[in-house]
Amino acid sequence: MFERLREDIQSVFHRDPAARNAFEVLTCYPGMHAIWLHRLSRYLWLAGWKWLARVVSNFGRWLTGIEIHPGASIGRRFFIDHGMGIVIGETTEIGDDVTLYQGVTLGGTTWNKGKRHPTLEAGVVVGAGAKVLGPFTVGAGAKVGSNAVVTKAVPPGATVVGIPGRVIVKSDDETEAKRKAMAEKLGFTAYGVSEDMPDPVARAIAQLLDHLQAVDVRLEGMGEALNKLGSDYHGKALPELREEVFACVKDADTVTTG
C-alpha cells in the first residue's frame, strides 16, 4: 500500500511542476484524494458491497468535486490535475500513466447495460473540458484537446481536437522543411506554422506557404528556360518582409492564448 502511495506522489511530481513536496501532495491535491477513495470504493464494489461502494464514491464526490463510479477500472500512476467537475462512468477502463484535467467527462451514449463508456489506453492525456463519450478505445499515447467532443475511436499517438473530435493529420517532415525554407526566404517566421498548433490561421498560412513555394519553383524554372533561349532575364530578389508588420498578429495571439 505504501509503495503504491509513493508511486502516486512521484507521478504528481513528474506531471505537475507546481508540486513542491510530498506533504503538499498528500494534503492539497484533491485528484489524489479522489483516486485513493476510488480504490476503497472499487474494493467494496468487487467484494459485492455495492451500496457501501456507492456511498464511499458519493463521499469522494462531495469532498473533491470528482465523480468516479466504483465500477470503473483504473490503472497505475493515474493523475487528475485540478479535477473539479470530472465524471468517470461505470464501465470506463483507464490504463497506466493516464492524465485528466478538470471538467473531463468519460461518459456513455446509451441507457443499455453492458460496456457503454470509453477505454483509455496507457499514456493518454485528456484536456480540460473534453468529453469522451461511448464504448470505444482511445489508443495509447493519444491526446484529446481541451473542450473536444470525441465519439469515435482514436488511433494510438494521435491528437484529437474540435467538436466533433477530429484527428489532426501532421504534415510529413519534407513538407514542413519546405514551409520553413519558404518562410525564411520571405524574411520572417510565419505565425503559428507548427504541426503542434491545430489553429485555423496556422493552417491557412501553411497552405499559403505551400502555394508560394510552388509558385517560386515555377518562376525559377521559367527563368532558367528563358536564359537557355538567350534571354538576359534575371529574377529580382524578393523584398524582405519586416517583422513589425506581423507584430499585431503575434500580439493578438498572445492576448487570446495567454
C-alpha atoms as a PDB file:
ATOM      1  CA  MET A   1       0.000   0.000   0.000  1.00  0.00           C
ATOM      2  CA  PHE A   2       2.764   2.461   0.920  1.00  0.00           C
ATOM      3  CA  GLU A   3       4.653   1.590  -2.257  1.00  0.00           C
ATOM      4  CA  ARG A   4       1.554   2.440  -4.327  1.00  0.00           C
ATOM      5  CA  LEU A   5       1.149   5.681  -2.365  1.00  0.00           C
ATOM      6  CA  ARG A   6       4.751   6.622  -3.036  1.00  0.00           C
ATOM      7  CA  GLU A   7       4.242   5.840  -6.724  1.00  0.00           C
ATOM      8  CA  ASP A   8       1.186   8.127  -6.829  1.00  0.00           C
ATOM      9  CA  ILE A   9       3.117  11.004  -5.275  1.00  0.00           C
ATOM     10  CA  GLN A  10       6.010  10.569  -7.717  1.00  0.00           C
ATOM     11  CA  SER A  11       3.583  10.651 -10.634  1.00  0.00           C
ATOM     12  CA  VAL A  12       2.433  14.086  -9.474  1.00  0.00           C
ATOM     13  CA  PHE A  13       5.995  15.411  -9.385  1.00  0.00           C
ATOM     14  CA  HIS A  14       6.547  14.111 -12.928  1.00  0.00           C
ATOM     15  CA  ARG A  15       3.483  15.879 -14.337  1.00  0.00           C
ATOM     16  CA  ASP A  16       2.889  18.963 -12.201  1.00  0.00           C
ATOM     17  CA  PRO A  17       5.718  21.496 -11.764  1.00  0.00           C
ATOM     18  CA  ALA A  18       3.673  23.257  -9.066  1.00  0.00           C
ATOM     19  CA  ALA A  19       4.133  20.323  -6.655  1.00  0.00           C
ATOM     20  CA  ARG A  20       6.810  21.173  -4.096  1.00  0.00           C
ATOM     21  CA  ASN A  21       6.865  18.325  -1.592  1.00  0.00           C
ATOM     22  CA  ALA A  22       5.151  15.075  -0.616  1.00  0.00           C
ATOM     23  CA  PHE A  23       3.233  16.615   2.294  1.00  0.00           C
ATOM     24  CA  GLU A  24       1.684  19.181  -0.033  1.00  0.00           C
ATOM     25  CA  VAL A  25       0.596  16.453  -2.436  1.00  0.00           C
ATOM     26  CA  LEU A  26      -0.881  14.373   0.381  1.00  0.00           C
ATOM     27  CA  THR A  27      -2.912  17.245   1.793  1.00  0.00           C
ATOM     28  CA  CYS A  28      -3.668  19.641  -1.063  1.00  0.00           C
ATOM     29  CA  TYR A  29      -4.300  17.546  -4.178  1.00  0.00           C
ATOM     30  CA  PRO A  30      -7.993  16.573  -4.496  1.00  0.00           C
ATOM     31  CA  GLY A  31      -7.178  14.449  -7.553  1.00  0.00           C
ATOM     32  CA  MET A  32      -5.090  12.180  -5.340  1.00  0.00           C
ATOM     33  CA  HIS A  33      -7.797  12.055  -2.669  1.00  0.00           C
ATOM     34  CA  ALA A  34     -10.372  11.054  -5.309  1.00  0.00           C
ATOM     35  CA  ILE A  35      -8.141   8.245  -6.583  1.00  0.00           C
ATOM     36  CA  TRP A  36      -7.493   6.866  -3.091  1.00  0.00           C
ATOM     37  CA  LEU A  37     -11.201   6.918  -2.225  1.00  0.00           C
ATOM     38  CA  HIS A  38     -11.964   5.242  -5.543  1.00  0.00           C
ATOM     39  CA  ARG A  39      -9.627   2.371  -4.686  1.00  0.00           C
ATOM     40  CA  LEU A  40     -11.598   1.809  -1.496  1.00  0.00           C
ATOM     41  CA  SER A  41     -14.949   2.004  -3.262  1.00  0.00           C
ATOM     42  CA  ARG A  42     -13.664  -0.267  -6.038  1.00  0.00           C
ATOM     43  CA  TYR A  43     -12.596  -2.874  -3.478  1.00  0.00           C
ATOM     44  CA  LEU A  44     -16.043  -2.769  -1.899  1.00  0.00           C
ATOM     45  CA  TRP A  45     -17.713  -2.964  -5.316  1.00  0.00           C
ATOM     46  CA  LEU A  46     -15.802  -6.078  -6.330  1.00  0.00           C
ATOM     47  CA  ALA A  47     -16.484  -7.630  -2.913  1.00  0.00           C
ATOM     48  CA  GLY A  48     -20.221  -7.279  -3.538  1.00  0.00           C
ATOM     49  CA  TRP A  49     -20.832  -4.342  -1.184  1.00  0.00           C
ATOM     50  CA  LYS A  50     -22.417  -2.267  -3.948  1.00  0.00           C
ATOM     51  CA  TRP A  51     -24.370   0.215  -1.823  1.00  0.00           C
ATOM     52  CA  LEU A  52     -21.450   0.897   0.510  1.00  0.00           C
ATOM     53  CA  ALA A  53     -19.191   1.345  -2.515  1.00  0.00           C
ATOM     54  CA  ARG A  54     -21.571   3.971  -3.886  1.00  0.00           C
ATOM     55  CA  VAL A  55     -21.640   5.732  -0.532  1.00  0.00           C
ATOM     56  CA  VAL A  56     -17.842   5.990  -0.495  1.00  0.00           C
ATOM     57  CA  SER A  57     -17.901   7.182  -4.105  1.00  0.00           C
ATOM     58  CA  ASN A  58     -20.512   9.806  -3.280  1.00  0.00           C
ATOM     59  CA  PHE A  59     -18.440  10.984  -0.316  1.00  0.00           C
ATOM     60  CA  GLY A  60     -15.455  11.342  -2.649  1.00  0.00           C
ATOM     61  CA  ARG A  61     -17.571  13.441  -4.998  1.00  0.00           C
ATOM     62  CA  TRP A  62     -18.682  15.682  -2.147  1.00  0.00           C
ATOM     63  CA  LEU A  63     -15.121  16.063  -0.875  1.00  0.00           C
ATOM     64  CA  THR A  64     -13.286  16.598  -4.160  1.00  0.00           C
ATOM     65  CA  GLY A  65     -15.811  17.528  -6.857  1.00  0.00           C
ATOM     66  CA  ILE A  66     -14.665  14.450  -8.813  1.00  0.00           C
ATOM     67  CA  GLU A  67     -17.166  11.675  -9.541  1.00  0.00           C
ATOM     68  CA  ILE A  68     -15.718   8.210 -10.197  1.00  0.00           C
ATOM     69  CA  HIS A  69     -18.080   5.270 -10.331  1.00  0.00           C
ATOM     70  CA  PRO A  70     -16.858   2.292  -8.237  1.00  0.00           C
ATOM     71  CA  GLY A  71     -17.211   0.069 -11.283  1.00  0.00           C
ATOM     72  CA  ALA A  72     -14.589   1.990 -13.255  1.00  0.00           C
ATOM     73  CA  SER A  73     -11.245   0.226 -13.699  1.00  0.00           C
ATOM     74  CA  ILE A  74      -8.199   2.495 -13.253  1.00  0.00           C
ATOM     75  CA  GLY A  75      -4.541   1.639 -13.770  1.00  0.00           C
ATOM     76  CA  ARG A  76      -1.385   2.794 -12.014  1.00  0.00           C
ATOM     77  CA  ARG A  77       0.004   6.329 -11.831  1.00  0.00           C
ATOM     78  CA  PHE A  78      -3.328   7.852 -12.819  1.00  0.00           C
ATOM     79  CA  PHE A  79      -3.140  11.629 -12.403  1.00  0.00           C
ATOM     80  CA  ILE A  80      -6.027  14.092 -12.121  1.00  0.00           C
ATOM     81  CA  ASP A  81      -4.861  17.706 -12.316  1.00  0.00           C
ATOM     82  CA  HIS A  82      -7.190  20.222 -10.582  1.00  0.00           C
ATOM     83  CA  GLY A  83     -10.076  17.801 -11.104  1.00  0.00           C
ATOM     84  CA  MET A  84     -13.257  19.761 -10.352  1.00  0.00           C
ATOM     85  CA  GLY A  85     -16.162  18.525 -12.465  1.00  0.00           C
ATOM     86  CA  ILE A  86     -14.628  15.276 -13.696  1.00  0.00           C
ATOM     87  CA  VAL A  87     -17.082  12.411 -14.290  1.00  0.00           C
ATOM     88  CA  ILE A  88     -15.918   8.834 -14.929  1.00  0.00           C
ATOM     89  CA  GLY A  89     -18.629   6.304 -15.768  1.00  0.00           C
ATOM     90  CA  GLU A  90     -19.162   2.760 -14.536  1.00  0.00           C
ATOM     91  CA  THR A  91     -17.683   0.762 -17.427  1.00  0.00           C
ATOM     92  CA  THR A  92     -14.742   3.082 -18.072  1.00  0.00           C
ATOM     93  CA  GLU A  93     -11.338   1.402 -18.317  1.00  0.00           C
ATOM     94  CA  ILE A  94      -8.222   3.511 -17.783  1.00  0.00           C
ATOM     95  CA  GLY A  95      -4.691   2.265 -18.377  1.00  0.00           C
ATOM     96  CA  ASP A  96      -1.439   3.235 -16.696  1.00  0.00           C
ATOM     97  CA  ASP A  97       0.004   6.774 -16.735  1.00  0.00           C
ATOM     98  CA  VAL A  98      -3.201   8.480 -17.909  1.00  0.00           C
ATOM     99  CA  THR A  99      -3.754  12.185 -17.174  1.00  0.00           C
ATOM    100  CA  LEU A 100      -7.091  14.015 -16.943  1.00  0.00           C
ATOM    101  CA  TYR A 101      -7.674  17.714 -16.442  1.00  0.00           C
ATOM    102  CA  GLN A 102     -10.665  19.495 -14.928  1.00  0.00           C
ATOM    103  CA  GLY A 103     -14.130  19.182 -16.420  1.00  0.00           C
ATOM    104  CA  VAL A 104     -13.486  15.933 -18.315  1.00  0.00           C
ATOM    105  CA  THR A 105     -16.380  13.534 -18.867  1.00  0.00           C
ATOM    106  CA  LEU A 106     -15.791   9.873 -19.679  1.00  0.00           C
ATOM    107  CA  GLY A 107     -19.400   9.038 -20.359  1.00  0.00           C
ATOM    108  CA  GLY A 108     -21.815   6.864 -22.290  1.00  0.00           C
ATOM    109  CA  THR A 109     -24.260   7.460 -25.131  1.00  0.00           C
ATOM    110  CA  THR A 110     -26.822   4.766 -24.340  1.00  0.00           C
ATOM    111  CA  TRP A 111     -29.026   3.643 -21.464  1.00  0.00           C
ATOM    112  CA  ASN A 112     -28.442  -0.035 -22.290  1.00  0.00           C
ATOM    113  CA  LYS A 113     -26.437  -2.115 -19.851  1.00  0.00           C
ATOM    114  CA  GLY A 114     -23.028  -3.505 -20.728  1.00  0.00           C
ATOM    115  CA  LYS A 115     -19.933  -1.705 -21.940  1.00  0.00           C
ATOM    116  CA  ARG A 116     -21.006   1.890 -22.654  1.00  0.00           C
ATOM    117  CA  HIS A 117     -18.043   4.022 -21.548  1.00  0.00           C
ATOM    118  CA  PRO A 118     -14.632   4.563 -23.180  1.00  0.00           C
ATOM    119  CA  THR A 119     -11.358   2.725 -22.714  1.00  0.00           C
ATOM    120  CA  LEU A 120      -8.257   4.912 -22.341  1.00  0.00           C
ATOM    121  CA  GLU A 121      -5.034   3.064 -23.000  1.00  0.00           C
ATOM    122  CA  ALA A 122      -1.674   3.852 -21.380  1.00  0.00           C
ATOM    123  CA  GLY A 123      -0.326   7.381 -21.523  1.00  0.00           C
ATOM    124  CA  VAL A 124      -3.480   9.099 -22.774  1.00  0.00           C
ATOM    125  CA  VAL A 125      -3.887  12.800 -21.913  1.00  0.00           C
ATOM    126  CA  VAL A 126      -7.364  14.386 -21.914  1.00  0.00           C
ATOM    127  CA  GLY A 127      -7.516  18.183 -21.819  1.00  0.00           C
ATOM    128  CA  ALA A 128      -9.796  20.386 -19.723  1.00  0.00           C
ATOM    129  CA  GLY A 129     -13.481  20.233 -20.550  1.00  0.00           C
ATOM    130  CA  ALA A 130     -13.200  17.387 -23.061  1.00  0.00           C
ATOM    131  CA  LYS A 131     -15.994  14.838 -23.433  1.00  0.00           C
ATOM    132  CA  VAL A 132     -15.149  11.271 -24.438  1.00  0.00           C
ATOM    133  CA  LEU A 133     -18.457   9.500 -24.974  1.00  0.00           C
ATOM    134  CA  GLY A 134     -19.093   5.903 -25.940  1.00  0.00           C
ATOM    135  CA  PRO A 135     -17.698   2.345 -25.722  1.00  0.00           C
ATOM    136  CA  PHE A 136     -14.625   2.813 -27.909  1.00  0.00           C
ATOM    137  CA  THR A 137     -10.871   2.916 -27.345  1.00  0.00           C
ATOM    138  CA  VAL A 138      -8.554   5.915 -27.183  1.00  0.00           C
ATOM    139  CA  GLY A 139      -5.209   4.460 -28.214  1.00  0.00           C
ATOM    140  CA  ALA A 140      -2.022   4.543 -26.171  1.00  0.00           C
ATOM    141  CA  GLY A 141      -0.292   7.918 -26.043  1.00  0.00           C
ATOM    142  CA  ALA A 142      -3.163   9.777 -27.696  1.00  0.00           C
ATOM    143  CA  LYS A 143      -4.055  13.345 -26.717  1.00  0.00           C
ATOM    144  CA  VAL A 144      -7.552  14.826 -26.561  1.00  0.00           C
ATOM    145  CA  GLY A 145      -7.652  18.615 -26.844  1.00  0.00           C
ATOM    146  CA  SER A 146      -9.483  20.866 -24.407  1.00  0.00           C
ATOM    147  CA  ASN A 147     -13.269  21.014 -24.946  1.00  0.00           C
ATOM    148  CA  ALA A 148     -13.158  18.380 -27.693  1.00  0.00           C
ATOM    149  CA  VAL A 149     -16.127  16.024 -28.012  1.00  0.00           C
ATOM    150  CA  VAL A 150     -14.919  12.554 -29.020  1.00  0.00           C
ATOM    151  CA  THR A 151     -17.412   9.875 -30.047  1.00  0.00           C
ATOM    152  CA  LYS A 152     -15.213   7.593 -32.193  1.00  0.00           C
ATOM    153  CA  ALA A 153     -12.089   5.502 -31.663  1.00  0.00           C
ATOM    154  CA  VAL A 154      -8.776   7.377 -31.591  1.00  0.00           C
ATOM    155  CA  PRO A 155      -5.614   5.768 -33.025  1.00  0.00           C
ATOM    156  CA  PRO A 156      -2.565   5.387 -30.760  1.00  0.00           C
ATOM    157  CA  GLY A 157      -0.431   8.527 -30.593  1.00  0.00           C
ATOM    158  CA  ALA A 158      -3.000  10.700 -32.374  1.00  0.00           C
ATOM    159  CA  THR A 159      -4.178  14.151 -31.320  1.00  0.00           C
ATOM    160  CA  VAL A 160      -7.912  14.933 -31.425  1.00  0.00           C
ATOM    161  CA  VAL A 161      -9.435  18.420 -31.377  1.00  0.00           C
ATOM    162  CA  GLY A 162     -12.765  20.094 -32.053  1.00  0.00           C
ATOM    163  CA  ILE A 163     -16.476  19.322 -31.998  1.00  0.00           C
ATOM    164  CA  PRO A 164     -16.927  16.661 -33.186  1.00  0.00           C
ATOM    165  CA  GLY A 165     -13.419  15.404 -32.440  1.00  0.00           C
ATOM    166  CA  ARG A 166     -11.146  15.225 -35.465  1.00  0.00           C
ATOM    167  CA  VAL A 167      -7.708  13.651 -35.674  1.00  0.00           C
ATOM    168  CA  ILE A 168      -5.053  16.165 -36.637  1.00  0.00           C
ATOM    169  CA  VAL A 169      -3.077  14.942 -39.625  1.00  0.00           C
ATOM    170  CA  LYS A 170       0.518  16.067 -39.227  1.00  0.00           C
ATOM    171  CA  SER A 171       2.491  17.114 -42.265  1.00  0.00           C
ATOM    172  CA  ASP A 172       5.459  14.984 -43.211  1.00  0.00           C
ATOM    173  CA  ASP A 173       8.969  16.216 -42.453  1.00  0.00           C
ATOM    174  CA  GLU A 174       9.682  17.121 -46.084  1.00  0.00           C
ATOM    175  CA  THR A 175       6.617  19.372 -46.331  1.00  0.00           C
ATOM    176  CA  GLU A 176       7.461  21.077 -43.034  1.00  0.00           C
ATOM    177  CA  ALA A 177      11.033  21.670 -44.204  1.00  0.00           C
ATOM    178  CA  LYS A 178       9.775  23.303 -47.403  1.00  0.00           C
ATOM    179  CA  ARG A 179       7.433  25.571 -45.456  1.00  0.00           C
ATOM    180  CA  LYS A 180      10.171  26.673 -43.091  1.00  0.00           C
ATOM    181  CA  ALA A 181      12.548  27.324 -46.000  1.00  0.00           C
ATOM    182  CA  MET A 182       9.950  29.463 -47.769  1.00  0.00           C
ATOM    183  CA  ALA A 183       9.225  31.414 -44.571  1.00  0.00           C
ATOM    184  CA  GLU A 184      12.943  32.117 -44.125  1.00  0.00           C
ATOM    185  CA  LYS A 185      13.246  33.180 -47.749  1.00  0.00           C
ATOM    186  CA  LEU A 186      10.433  35.688 -47.275  1.00  0.00           C
ATOM    187  CA  GLY A 187      12.262  37.085 -44.255  1.00  0.00           C
ATOM    188  CA  PHE A 188      10.014  36.170 -41.348  1.00  0.00           C
ATOM    189  CA  THR A 189       8.949  33.289 -39.180  1.00  0.00           C
ATOM    190  CA  ALA A 190       5.353  32.626 -40.111  1.00  0.00           C
ATOM    191  CA  TYR A 191       2.906  32.909 -37.239  1.00  0.00           C
ATOM    192  CA  GLY A 192       1.651  29.576 -35.969  1.00  0.00           C
ATOM    193  CA  VAL A 193       3.354  27.409 -38.586  1.00  0.00           C
ATOM    194  CA  SER A 194       3.706  24.371 -36.381  1.00  0.00           C
ATOM    195  CA  GLU A 195       2.332  20.852 -36.542  1.00  0.00           C
ATOM    196  CA  ASP A 196       1.572  21.156 -32.829  1.00  0.00           C
ATOM    197  CA  MET A 197      -0.923  24.005 -33.275  1.00  0.00           C
ATOM    198  CA  PRO A 198      -4.285  22.988 -34.837  1.00  0.00           C
ATOM    199  CA  ASP A 199      -5.155  26.640 -35.388  1.00  0.00           C
ATOM    200  CA  PRO A 200      -7.189  27.743 -38.467  1.00  0.00           C
ATOM    201  CA  VAL A 201      -4.883  30.734 -39.008  1.00  0.00           C
ATOM    202  CA  ALA A 202      -1.847  28.444 -38.815  1.00  0.00           C
ATOM    203  CA  ARG A 203      -3.403  26.102 -41.366  1.00  0.00           C
ATOM    204  CA  ALA A 204      -4.193  28.976 -43.720  1.00  0.00           C
ATOM    205  CA  ILE A 205      -0.647  30.320 -43.514  1.00  0.00           C
ATOM    206  CA  ALA A 206       0.769  26.834 -44.036  1.00  0.00           C
ATOM    207  CA  GLN A 207      -1.293  26.475 -47.225  1.00  0.00           C
ATOM    208  CA  LEU A 208      -0.176  29.915 -48.407  1.00  0.00           C
ATOM    209  CA  LEU A 209       3.439  28.897 -47.881  1.00  0.00           C
ATOM    210  CA  ASP A 210       2.833  25.711 -49.869  1.00  0.00           C
ATOM    211  CA  HIS A 211       1.349  27.787 -52.696  1.00  0.00           C
ATOM    212  CA  LEU A 212       4.185  30.322 -52.590  1.00  0.00           C
ATOM    213  CA  GLN A 213       6.735  27.528 -52.664  1.00  0.00           C
ATOM    214  CA  ALA A 214       5.105  26.038 -55.773  1.00  0.00           C
ATOM    215  CA  VAL A 215       4.977  29.458 -57.476  1.00  0.00           C
ATOM    216  CA  ASP A 216       8.620  30.078 -56.560  1.00  0.00           C
ATOM    217  CA  VAL A 217       9.704  26.777 -58.105  1.00  0.00           C
ATOM    218  CA  ARG A 218       7.727  27.511 -61.262  1.00  0.00           C
ATOM    219  CA  LEU A 219       9.197  31.013 -61.641  1.00  0.00           C
ATOM    220  CA  GLU A 220      12.733  29.693 -61.206  1.00  0.00           C
ATOM    221  CA  GLY A 221      12.049  27.113 -63.890  1.00  0.00           C
ATOM    222  CA  MET A 222      10.707  29.792 -66.234  1.00  0.00           C
ATOM    223  CA  GLY A 223      13.792  31.945 -65.627  1.00  0.00           C
ATOM    224  CA  GLU A 224      16.118  29.066 -66.431  1.00  0.00           C
ATOM    225  CA  ALA A 225      14.166  28.290 -69.612  1.00  0.00           C
ATOM    226  CA  LEU A 226      14.362  31.926 -70.740  1.00  0.00           C
ATOM    227  CA  ASN A 227      18.112  32.007 -70.104  1.00  0.00           C
ATOM    228  CA  LYS A 228      18.566  28.889 -72.222  1.00  0.00           C
ATOM    229  CA  LEU A 229      16.693  30.632 -75.051  1.00  0.00           C
ATOM    230  CA  GLY A 230      19.191  33.508 -74.949  1.00  0.00           C
ATOM    231  CA  SER A 231      17.251  35.939 -72.792  1.00  0.00           C
ATOM    232  CA  ASP A 232      19.138  38.154 -70.339  1.00  0.00           C
ATOM    233  CA  TYR A 233      16.297  37.874 -67.838  1.00  0.00           C
ATOM    234  CA  HIS A 234      17.429  37.814 -64.230  1.00  0.00           C
ATOM    235  CA  GLY A 235      14.957  37.320 -61.407  1.00  0.00           C
ATOM    236  CA  LYS A 236      14.956  40.048 -58.792  1.00  0.00           C
ATOM    237  CA  ALA A 237      15.301  39.235 -55.138  1.00  0.00           C
ATOM    238  CA  LEU A 238      12.055  39.204 -53.200  1.00  0.00           C
ATOM    239  CA  PRO A 239      11.525  42.216 -50.946  1.00  0.00           C
ATOM    240  CA  GLU A 240      12.134  41.477 -47.298  1.00  0.00           C
ATOM    241  CA  LEU A 241       9.032  41.326 -45.126  1.00  0.00           C
ATOM    242  CA  ARG A 242       9.576  43.299 -41.951  1.00  0.00           C
ATOM    243  CA  GLU A 243       8.756  41.505 -38.723  1.00  0.00           C
ATOM    244  CA  GLU A 244       6.918  44.521 -37.275  1.00  0.00           C
ATOM    245  CA  VAL A 245       4.256  44.052 -39.970  1.00  0.00           C
ATOM    246  CA  PHE A 246       3.237  40.860 -38.205  1.00  0.00           C
ATOM    247  CA  ALA A 247       3.533  42.236 -34.671  1.00  0.00           C
ATOM    248  CA  CYS A 248      -0.201  42.889 -34.447  1.00  0.00           C
ATOM    249  CA  VAL A 249      -0.941  39.249 -35.286  1.00  0.00           C
ATOM    250  CA  LYS A 250       1.503  37.999 -32.653  1.00  0.00           C
ATOM    251  CA  ASP A 251       0.110  40.435 -30.058  1.00  0.00           C
ATOM    252  CA  ALA A 252      -3.419  39.287 -30.790  1.00  0.00           C
ATOM    253  CA  ASP A 253      -2.362  35.672 -30.372  1.00  0.00           C
ATOM    254  CA  THR A 254      -0.746  36.489 -27.026  1.00  0.00           C
ATOM    255  CA  VAL A 255      -3.985  38.079 -25.806  1.00  0.00           C
ATOM    256  CA  THR A 256      -6.186  35.179 -26.910  1.00  0.00           C
ATOM    257  CA  THR A 257      -3.950  32.336 -25.749  1.00  0.00           C
ATOM    258  CA  GLY A 258      -2.195  33.878 -22.757  1.00  0.00           C
END
